[in-house]
Amino acid sequence: LDSAALASAVEKLRRDPELVLQRELKLLRRCLLAFGSKLPEQTKSGPNVDLLESDDEVAAVPAQEAAQKCSSAKVQAAPMDIADSDEEDEERLPEDAGPFPDMPPPATSEPDEAQLAACAAAKDAASQAQEAGDLQLALTKLTEAIVTGAASALLLARRAELLLKLRRPCAAMADCDAALQVNPDCGKAFRIRGLANRRLGRWEAAHKDLAMGQKLDYEESAKEVVNFVAEKVRVIEERRANAFAAYEAETSKR
């Protein structure tokens, strides 16, 4: 298999991912599943395509002959990042699109007294708003505190926690990423990012972040979700191991 043929095959799969569902590519599907890939669901039927043929050769196949090659079987495969009945997960959130709240300006020096005072005043206002149940005002005030240039990693993690309460998991993750740039050992940022990943159904990423968060800053209240996510990951790893074993068994017969 030369590099040109391989590049052609990859390009065909990029243009039409459903080609991987062809019956002849069962071994390739097993390999992809074994390494955690998702397979598309079949939404259309059509003639089989030889991935190693050039586009000119494919175009030359008569329509009647191509139709005879068409498989009517519908191939389905479960995405490897789905642990079990995820469709029944009542806490799952959809991904939120931007724009996300403003981030702190680039740090060029230590914040001065005016910046620190402005940050503290905005944080106090945010706390009062949150205690009053006005989460949107609290978000506005936390953002005001952050853009003063005096924001700590914990302040960014605090806004991330609020964003998650507002059902904005991707925005929360962006704040956690920013917090970890300020302080790579911020346990709360890892924990909130893990919770956001959990709400998105990204079980393995959630497991990794939650474990690190508990290691850096243990919180008893997070124990239940840590165990819940760990079980999801166990199911995923078991499914992946079974897929890989099936792939190895198939290749050993060839």
C-alpha atoms as a PDB file:
ATOM      1  CA  LEU A   1       0.000   0.000   0.000  1.00  0.00           C
ATOM      2  CA  ASP A   2       1.747   3.146  -1.208  1.00  0.00           C
ATOM      3  CA  SER A   3       1.361   6.554   0.394  1.00  0.00           C
ATOM      4  CA  ALA A   4      -0.711   7.952  -2.483  1.00  0.00           C
ATOM      5  CA  ALA A   5      -3.289   5.171  -2.185  1.00  0.00           C
ATOM      6  CA  LEU A   6      -3.419   5.610   1.574  1.00  0.00           C
ATOM      7  CA  ALA A   7      -3.886   9.360   1.216  1.00  0.00           C
ATOM      8  CA  SER A   8      -6.692   8.739  -1.283  1.00  0.00           C
ATOM      9  CA  ALA A   9      -8.417   6.337   1.110  1.00  0.00           C
ATOM     10  CA  VAL A  10      -8.175   8.790   3.999  1.00  0.00           C
ATOM     11  CA  GLU A  11      -9.572  11.593   1.843  1.00  0.00           C
ATOM     12  CA  LYS A  12     -12.543   9.454   0.802  1.00  0.00           C
ATOM     13  CA  LEU A  13     -13.298   8.637   4.436  1.00  0.00           C
ATOM     14  CA  ARG A  14     -12.990  12.307   5.341  1.00  0.00           C
ATOM     15  CA  ARG A  15     -15.511  13.280   2.654  1.00  0.00           C
ATOM     16  CA  ASP A  16     -17.894  10.452   3.508  1.00  0.00           C
ATOM     17  CA  PRO A  17     -17.303   8.860   6.948  1.00  0.00           C
ATOM     18  CA  GLU A  18     -20.122   6.369   6.334  1.00  0.00           C
ATOM     19  CA  LEU A  19     -17.846   4.494   3.923  1.00  0.00           C
ATOM     20  CA  VAL A  20     -16.245   2.859   6.961  1.00  0.00           C
ATOM     21  CA  LEU A  21     -19.551   1.009   7.517  1.00  0.00           C
ATOM     22  CA  GLN A  22     -19.068  -1.112   4.385  1.00  0.00           C
ATOM     23  CA  ARG A  23     -19.165  -4.821   5.127  1.00  0.00           C
ATOM     24  CA  GLU A  24     -15.661  -5.350   3.729  1.00  0.00           C
ATOM     25  CA  LEU A  25     -14.215  -2.916   6.276  1.00  0.00           C
ATOM     26  CA  LYS A  26     -15.278  -4.869   9.371  1.00  0.00           C
ATOM     27  CA  LEU A  27     -11.666  -5.314  10.455  1.00  0.00           C
ATOM     28  CA  LEU A  28     -11.001  -1.574  10.175  1.00  0.00           C
ATOM     29  CA  ARG A  29     -14.086  -0.844  12.289  1.00  0.00           C
ATOM     30  CA  ARG A  30     -12.916  -3.214  15.007  1.00  0.00           C
ATOM     31  CA  CYS A  31      -9.537  -1.519  15.016  1.00  0.00           C
ATOM     32  CA  LEU A  32     -11.104   1.947  15.285  1.00  0.00           C
ATOM     33  CA  LEU A  33     -13.382   0.856  18.134  1.00  0.00           C
ATOM     34  CA  ALA A  34     -10.497  -0.750  19.964  1.00  0.00           C
ATOM     35  CA  PHE A  35      -8.770   2.614  20.082  1.00  0.00           C
ATOM     36  CA  GLY A  36     -11.834   4.512  21.269  1.00  0.00           C
ATOM     37  CA  SER A  37     -13.068   5.982  17.998  1.00  0.00           C
ATOM     38  CA  LYS A  38     -16.687   6.766  17.205  1.00  0.00           C
ATOM     39  CA  LEU A  39     -18.351   5.258  14.156  1.00  0.00           C
ATOM     40  CA  PRO A  40     -21.039   7.144  12.247  1.00  0.00           C
ATOM     41  CA  GLU A  41     -24.574   5.830  12.012  1.00  0.00           C
ATOM     42  CA  GLN A  42     -25.620   4.781   8.532  1.00  0.00           C
ATOM     43  CA  THR A  43     -28.111   7.259   7.094  1.00  0.00           C
ATOM     44  CA  LYS A  44     -28.010   6.282   3.423  1.00  0.00           C
ATOM     45  CA  SER A  45     -27.392   3.314   1.191  1.00  0.00           C
ATOM     46  CA  GLY A  46     -25.345   3.176  -1.951  1.00  0.00           C
ATOM     47  CA  PRO A  47     -22.720   1.257  -3.888  1.00  0.00           C
ATOM     48  CA  ASN A  48     -19.636   0.014  -2.099  1.00  0.00           C
ATOM     49  CA  VAL A  49     -16.553   2.103  -2.742  1.00  0.00           C
ATOM     50  CA  ASP A  50     -13.067   0.659  -3.025  1.00  0.00           C
ATOM     51  CA  LEU A  51     -11.005   3.066  -0.935  1.00  0.00           C
ATOM     52  CA  LEU A  52      -7.846   2.145  -2.843  1.00  0.00           C
ATOM     53  CA  GLU A  53      -9.275   2.889  -6.297  1.00  0.00           C
ATOM     54  CA  SER A  54      -8.707   6.292  -7.792  1.00  0.00           C
ATOM     55  CA  ASP A  55     -11.719   8.548  -8.186  1.00  0.00           C
ATOM     56  CA  ASP A  56     -11.538   8.063 -11.957  1.00  0.00           C
ATOM     57  CA  GLU A  57     -11.763   4.276 -11.564  1.00  0.00           C
ATOM     58  CA  VAL A  58     -14.731   4.589  -9.233  1.00  0.00           C
ATOM     59  CA  ALA A  59     -16.539   6.849 -11.680  1.00  0.00           C
ATOM     60  CA  ALA A  60     -16.046   4.297 -14.433  1.00  0.00           C
ATOM     61  CA  VAL A  61     -17.974   1.535 -12.623  1.00  0.00           C
ATOM     62  CA  PRO A  62     -21.373   1.054 -14.333  1.00  0.00           C
ATOM     63  CA  ALA A  63     -24.314   1.989 -12.150  1.00  0.00           C
ATOM     64  CA  GLN A  64     -25.922  -1.463 -12.438  1.00  0.00           C
ATOM     65  CA  GLU A  65     -22.720  -3.242 -11.361  1.00  0.00           C
ATOM     66  CA  ALA A  66     -22.271  -0.842  -8.483  1.00  0.00           C
ATOM     67  CA  ALA A  67     -25.822  -1.432  -7.326  1.00  0.00           C
ATOM     68  CA  GLN A  68     -25.175  -5.183  -7.195  1.00  0.00           C
ATOM     69  CA  LYS A  69     -22.299  -4.544  -4.788  1.00  0.00           C
ATOM     70  CA  CYS A  70     -24.470  -2.508  -2.466  1.00  0.00           C
ATOM     71  CA  SER A  71     -25.022  -4.082   0.948  1.00  0.00           C
ATOM     72  CA  SER A  72     -28.437  -3.643   2.469  1.00  0.00           C
ATOM     73  CA  ALA A  73     -27.209  -4.426   5.988  1.00  0.00           C
ATOM     74  CA  LYS A  74     -27.224  -1.519   8.412  1.00  0.00           C
ATOM     75  CA  VAL A  75     -24.111  -1.425  10.568  1.00  0.00           C
ATOM     76  CA  GLN A  76     -24.285   0.285  13.930  1.00  0.00           C
ATOM     77  CA  ALA A  77     -21.678   0.657  16.614  1.00  0.00           C
ATOM     78  CA  ALA A  78     -21.791   2.280  20.034  1.00  0.00           C
ATOM     79  CA  PRO A  79     -19.461   5.253  20.546  1.00  0.00           C
ATOM     80  CA  MET A  80     -16.716   4.238  22.951  1.00  0.00           C
ATOM     81  CA  ASP A  81     -17.135   7.242  25.239  1.00  0.00           C
ATOM     82  CA  ILE A  82     -20.681   6.233  26.146  1.00  0.00           C
ATOM     83  CA  ALA A  83     -20.653   4.083  29.251  1.00  0.00           C
ATOM     84  CA  ASP A  84     -24.211   2.772  29.515  1.00  0.00           C
ATOM     85  CA  SER A  85     -27.667   4.376  29.452  1.00  0.00           C
ATOM     86  CA  ASP A  86     -26.303   7.893  29.043  1.00  0.00           C
ATOM     87  CA  GLU A  87     -29.439   8.995  27.244  1.00  0.00           C
ATOM     88  CA  GLU A  88     -31.191   8.743  30.624  1.00  0.00           C
ATOM     89  CA  ASP A  89     -28.663  10.985  32.373  1.00  0.00           C
ATOM     90  CA  GLU A  90     -30.832  13.747  33.799  1.00  0.00           C
ATOM     91  CA  GLU A  91     -27.808  15.889  34.656  1.00  0.00           C
ATOM     92  CA  ARG A  92     -26.413  15.947  31.126  1.00  0.00           C
ATOM     93  CA  LEU A  93     -26.073  19.400  29.610  1.00  0.00           C
ATOM     94  CA  PRO A  94     -25.637  20.426  25.973  1.00  0.00           C
ATOM     95  CA  GLU A  95     -22.448  22.167  24.949  1.00  0.00           C
ATOM     96  CA  ASP A  96     -22.788  25.924  25.258  1.00  0.00           C
ATOM     97  CA  ALA A  97     -21.490  28.177  22.527  1.00  0.00           C
ATOM     98  CA  GLY A  98     -19.632  31.429  23.060  1.00  0.00           C
ATOM     99  CA  PRO A  99     -19.092  34.190  23.597  1.00  0.00           C
ATOM    100  CA  PHE A 100     -17.816  33.376  27.057  1.00  0.00           C
ATOM    101  CA  PRO A 101     -17.271  35.950  29.823  1.00  0.00           C
ATOM    102  CA  ASP A 102     -14.241  38.221  29.531  1.00  0.00           C
ATOM    103  CA  MET A 103     -10.925  36.870  30.722  1.00  0.00           C
ATOM    104  CA  PRO A 104      -8.292  38.737  32.750  1.00  0.00           C
ATOM    105  CA  PRO A 105      -5.885  40.969  30.842  1.00  0.00           C
ATOM    106  CA  PRO A 106      -2.342  39.684  30.285  1.00  0.00           C
ATOM    107  CA  ALA A 107      -0.330  40.089  33.472  1.00  0.00           C
ATOM    108  CA  THR A 108       2.594  42.456  32.923  1.00  0.00           C
ATOM    109  CA  SER A 109       3.228  43.283  36.566  1.00  0.00           C
ATOM    110  CA  GLU A 110       1.836  42.807  40.041  1.00  0.00           C
ATOM    111  CA  PRO A 111      -1.596  44.475  40.507  1.00  0.00           C
ATOM    112  CA  ASP A 112      -1.467  47.859  42.194  1.00  0.00           C
ATOM    113  CA  GLU A 113      -3.586  49.001  45.140  1.00  0.00           C
ATOM    114  CA  ALA A 114      -6.296  50.454  42.915  1.00  0.00           C
ATOM    115  CA  GLN A 115      -6.677  47.182  41.024  1.00  0.00           C
ATOM    116  CA  LEU A 116      -6.791  45.179  44.245  1.00  0.00           C
ATOM    117  CA  ALA A 117      -9.413  47.512  45.726  1.00  0.00           C
ATOM    118  CA  ALA A 118     -11.579  47.359  42.584  1.00  0.00           C
ATOM    119  CA  CYS A 119     -11.305  43.579  42.524  1.00  0.00           C
ATOM    120  CA  ALA A 120     -12.277  43.259  46.186  1.00  0.00           C
ATOM    121  CA  ALA A 121     -15.279  45.578  45.776  1.00  0.00           C
ATOM    122  CA  ALA A 122     -16.559  43.638  42.765  1.00  0.00           C
ATOM    123  CA  LYS A 123     -16.107  40.324  44.593  1.00  0.00           C
ATOM    124  CA  ASP A 124     -18.114  41.617  47.550  1.00  0.00           C
ATOM    125  CA  ALA A 125     -20.876  42.769  45.208  1.00  0.00           C
ATOM    126  CA  ALA A 126     -20.850  39.346  43.555  1.00  0.00           C
ATOM    127  CA  SER A 127     -21.221  37.624  46.919  1.00  0.00           C
ATOM    128  CA  GLN A 128     -24.176  39.843  47.857  1.00  0.00           C
ATOM    129  CA  ALA A 129     -25.860  39.191  44.510  1.00  0.00           C
ATOM    130  CA  GLN A 130     -25.387  35.451  44.815  1.00  0.00           C
ATOM    131  CA  GLU A 131     -26.756  35.408  48.353  1.00  0.00           C
ATOM    132  CA  ALA A 132     -29.807  37.272  47.030  1.00  0.00           C
ATOM    133  CA  GLY A 133     -30.245  34.616  44.329  1.00  0.00           C
ATOM    134  CA  ASP A 134     -29.345  36.904  41.417  1.00  0.00           C
ATOM    135  CA  LEU A 135     -26.839  34.681  39.658  1.00  0.00           C
ATOM    136  CA  GLN A 136     -26.632  36.788  36.505  1.00  0.00           C
ATOM    137  CA  LEU A 137     -25.691  39.888  38.516  1.00  0.00           C
ATOM    138  CA  ALA A 138     -23.207  37.797  40.465  1.00  0.00           C
ATOM    139  CA  LEU A 139     -21.656  36.696  37.158  1.00  0.00           C
ATOM    140  CA  THR A 140     -21.414  40.300  35.991  1.00  0.00           C
ATOM    141  CA  LYS A 141     -19.696  41.358  39.219  1.00  0.00           C
ATOM    142  CA  LEU A 142     -17.269  38.438  39.159  1.00  0.00           C
ATOM    143  CA  THR A 143     -16.353  39.374  35.604  1.00  0.00           C
ATOM    144  CA  GLU A 144     -15.757  42.948  36.722  1.00  0.00           C
ATOM    145  CA  ALA A 145     -13.429  41.609  39.413  1.00  0.00           C
ATOM    146  CA  ILE A 146     -11.578  39.399  36.961  1.00  0.00           C
ATOM    147  CA  VAL A 147     -10.943  42.087  34.351  1.00  0.00           C
ATOM    148  CA  THR A 148      -9.300  44.371  36.932  1.00  0.00           C
ATOM    149  CA  GLY A 149      -6.130  42.350  36.451  1.00  0.00           C
ATOM    150  CA  ALA A 150      -6.022  41.319  40.111  1.00  0.00           C
ATOM    151  CA  ALA A 151      -7.825  38.002  39.729  1.00  0.00           C
ATOM    152  CA  SER A 152      -6.449  34.907  41.424  1.00  0.00           C
ATOM    153  CA  ALA A 153      -6.836  31.316  40.226  1.00  0.00           C
ATOM    154  CA  LEU A 154      -9.458  30.782  42.930  1.00  0.00           C
ATOM    155  CA  LEU A 155     -11.501  33.723  41.663  1.00  0.00           C
ATOM    156  CA  LEU A 156     -11.536  32.247  38.160  1.00  0.00           C
ATOM    157  CA  ALA A 157     -12.534  28.890  39.624  1.00  0.00           C
ATOM    158  CA  ARG A 158     -15.299  30.625  41.585  1.00  0.00           C
ATOM    159  CA  ARG A 159     -16.719  32.112  38.384  1.00  0.00           C
ATOM    160  CA  ALA A 160     -16.399  28.697  36.725  1.00  0.00           C
ATOM    161  CA  GLU A 161     -18.493  27.203  39.531  1.00  0.00           C
ATOM    162  CA  LEU A 162     -21.137  29.881  38.999  1.00  0.00           C
ATOM    163  CA  LEU A 163     -21.143  29.320  35.231  1.00  0.00           C
ATOM    164  CA  LEU A 164     -21.776  25.632  35.812  1.00  0.00           C
ATOM    165  CA  LYS A 165     -24.761  26.527  38.002  1.00  0.00           C
ATOM    166  CA  LEU A 166     -25.967  28.627  35.079  1.00  0.00           C
ATOM    167  CA  ARG A 167     -25.745  25.516  32.847  1.00  0.00           C
ATOM    168  CA  ARG A 168     -22.753  26.754  30.876  1.00  0.00           C
ATOM    169  CA  PRO A 169     -20.242  23.886  31.163  1.00  0.00           C
ATOM    170  CA  CYS A 170     -17.961  24.939  28.306  1.00  0.00           C
ATOM    171  CA  ALA A 171     -17.646  28.480  29.666  1.00  0.00           C
ATOM    172  CA  ALA A 172     -16.887  26.974  33.081  1.00  0.00           C
ATOM    173  CA  MET A 173     -14.141  24.828  31.572  1.00  0.00           C
ATOM    174  CA  ALA A 174     -12.609  27.871  29.886  1.00  0.00           C
ATOM    175  CA  ASP A 175     -12.395  29.600  33.276  1.00  0.00           C
ATOM    176  CA  CYS A 176     -10.824  26.496  34.833  1.00  0.00           C
ATOM    177  CA  ASP A 177      -8.225  26.406  32.070  1.00  0.00           C
ATOM    178  CA  ALA A 178      -7.424  30.064  32.769  1.00  0.00           C
ATOM    179  CA  ALA A 179      -7.217  29.384  36.506  1.00  0.00           C
ATOM    180  CA  LEU A 180      -4.759  26.545  35.947  1.00  0.00           C
ATOM    181  CA  GLN A 181      -2.573  28.849  33.877  1.00  0.00           C
ATOM    182  CA  VAL A 182      -2.384  31.145  36.903  1.00  0.00           C
ATOM    183  CA  ASN A 183      -1.894  28.292  39.377  1.00  0.00           C
ATOM    184  CA  PRO A 184      -1.333  24.764  38.012  1.00  0.00           C
ATOM    185  CA  ASP A 185      -2.014  23.354  41.490  1.00  0.00           C
ATOM    186  CA  CYS A 186      -5.472  24.864  41.929  1.00  0.00           C
ATOM    187  CA  GLY A 187      -7.469  21.879  43.126  1.00  0.00           C
ATOM    188  CA  LYS A 188     -10.810  23.666  42.822  1.00  0.00           C
ATOM    189  CA  ALA A 189     -10.184  24.423  39.143  1.00  0.00           C
ATOM    190  CA  PHE A 190      -9.527  20.728  38.452  1.00  0.00           C
ATOM    191  CA  ARG A 191     -12.633  19.746  40.403  1.00  0.00           C
ATOM    192  CA  ILE A 192     -14.966  22.219  38.677  1.00  0.00           C
ATOM    193  CA  ARG A 193     -13.576  21.265  35.263  1.00  0.00           C
ATOM    194  CA  GLY A 194     -14.168  17.630  36.181  1.00  0.00           C
ATOM    195  CA  LEU A 195     -17.766  18.421  37.122  1.00  0.00           C
ATOM    196  CA  ALA A 196     -18.244  20.283  33.839  1.00  0.00           C
ATOM    197  CA  ASN A 197     -16.881  17.310  31.908  1.00  0.00           C
ATOM    198  CA  ARG A 198     -19.231  15.073  33.867  1.00  0.00           C
ATOM    199  CA  ARG A 199     -22.226  17.232  32.856  1.00  0.00           C
ATOM    200  CA  LEU A 200     -21.114  16.885  29.225  1.00  0.00           C
ATOM    201  CA  GLY A 201     -20.736  13.116  29.475  1.00  0.00           C
ATOM    202  CA  ARG A 202     -16.985  13.230  28.946  1.00  0.00           C
ATOM    203  CA  TRP A 203     -16.384  10.520  31.492  1.00  0.00           C
ATOM    204  CA  GLU A 204     -12.676   9.860  31.134  1.00  0.00           C
ATOM    205  CA  ALA A 205     -11.747  13.551  31.155  1.00  0.00           C
ATOM    206  CA  ALA A 206     -14.034  14.051  34.155  1.00  0.00           C
ATOM    207  CA  HIS A 207     -12.432  11.140  35.996  1.00  0.00           C
ATOM    208  CA  LYS A 208      -8.930  12.509  35.424  1.00  0.00           C
ATOM    209  CA  ASP A 209      -9.806  16.047  36.548  1.00  0.00           C
ATOM    210  CA  LEU A 210     -11.813  14.969  39.586  1.00  0.00           C
ATOM    211  CA  ALA A 211      -9.044  12.661  40.744  1.00  0.00           C
ATOM    212  CA  MET A 212      -6.488  15.462  40.470  1.00  0.00           C
ATOM    213  CA  GLY A 213      -8.807  17.906  42.218  1.00  0.00           C
ATOM    214  CA  GLN A 214      -9.287  15.523  45.139  1.00  0.00           C
ATOM    215  CA  LYS A 215      -5.565  14.881  45.317  1.00  0.00           C
ATOM    216  CA  LEU A 216      -4.727  18.576  45.518  1.00  0.00           C
ATOM    217  CA  ASP A 217      -7.667  19.721  47.648  1.00  0.00           C
ATOM    218  CA  TYR A 218      -9.857  16.925  48.996  1.00  0.00           C
ATOM    219  CA  GLU A 219     -13.531  17.721  49.344  1.00  0.00           C
ATOM    220  CA  GLU A 220     -15.850  15.208  51.005  1.00  0.00           C
ATOM    221  CA  SER A 221     -18.908  16.499  49.130  1.00  0.00           C
ATOM    222  CA  ALA A 222     -17.332  15.489  45.802  1.00  0.00           C
ATOM    223  CA  LYS A 223     -16.981  11.831  46.815  1.00  0.00           C
ATOM    224  CA  GLU A 224     -20.326  10.744  45.363  1.00  0.00           C
ATOM    225  CA  VAL A 225     -19.728  12.197  41.907  1.00  0.00           C
ATOM    226  CA  VAL A 226     -16.152  10.861  41.906  1.00  0.00           C
ATOM    227  CA  ASN A 227     -17.469   7.340  42.483  1.00  0.00           C
ATOM    228  CA  PHE A 228     -20.226   7.797  39.902  1.00  0.00           C
ATOM    229  CA  VAL A 229     -17.763   8.886  37.224  1.00  0.00           C
ATOM    230  CA  ALA A 230     -15.308   6.122  38.153  1.00  0.00           C
ATOM    231  CA  GLU A 231     -18.007   3.523  37.476  1.00  0.00           C
ATOM    232  CA  LYS A 232     -18.754   5.086  34.087  1.00  0.00           C
ATOM    233  CA  VAL A 233     -15.074   4.886  33.201  1.00  0.00           C
ATOM    234  CA  ARG A 234     -14.899   1.258  34.326  1.00  0.00           C
ATOM    235  CA  VAL A 235     -17.695   0.372  31.884  1.00  0.00           C
ATOM    236  CA  ILE A 236     -15.964   2.260  29.064  1.00  0.00           C
ATOM    237  CA  GLU A 237     -12.652   0.519  29.702  1.00  0.00           C
ATOM    238  CA  GLU A 238     -14.358  -2.883  29.828  1.00  0.00           C
ATOM    239  CA  ARG A 239     -16.095  -2.199  26.517  1.00  0.00           C
ATOM    240  CA  ARG A 240     -12.857  -1.026  24.952  1.00  0.00           C
ATOM    241  CA  ALA A 241     -11.009  -4.115  26.184  1.00  0.00           C
ATOM    242  CA  ASN A 242     -13.709  -6.369  24.734  1.00  0.00           C
ATOM    243  CA  ALA A 243     -13.553  -4.565  21.389  1.00  0.00           C
ATOM    244  CA  PHE A 244      -9.788  -4.866  21.293  1.00  0.00           C
ATOM    245  CA  ALA A 245      -9.956  -8.570  22.187  1.00  0.00           C
ATOM    246  CA  ALA A 246     -12.446  -9.107  19.361  1.00  0.00           C
ATOM    247  CA  TYR A 247     -10.147  -7.221  16.987  1.00  0.00           C
ATOM    248  CA  GLU A 248      -7.143  -9.345  17.978  1.00  0.00           C
ATOM    249  CA  ALA A 249      -9.182 -12.532  17.595  1.00  0.00           C
ATOM    250  CA  GLU A 250     -10.263 -11.448  14.120  1.00  0.00           C
ATOM    251  CA  THR A 251      -6.732 -10.596  13.014  1.00  0.00           C
ATOM    252  CA  SER A 252      -5.365 -13.888  14.316  1.00  0.00           C
ATOM    253  CA  LYS A 253      -7.616 -15.728  11.850  1.00  0.00           C
ATOM    254  CA  ARG A 254      -6.179 -13.955   8.840  1.00  0.00           C
END
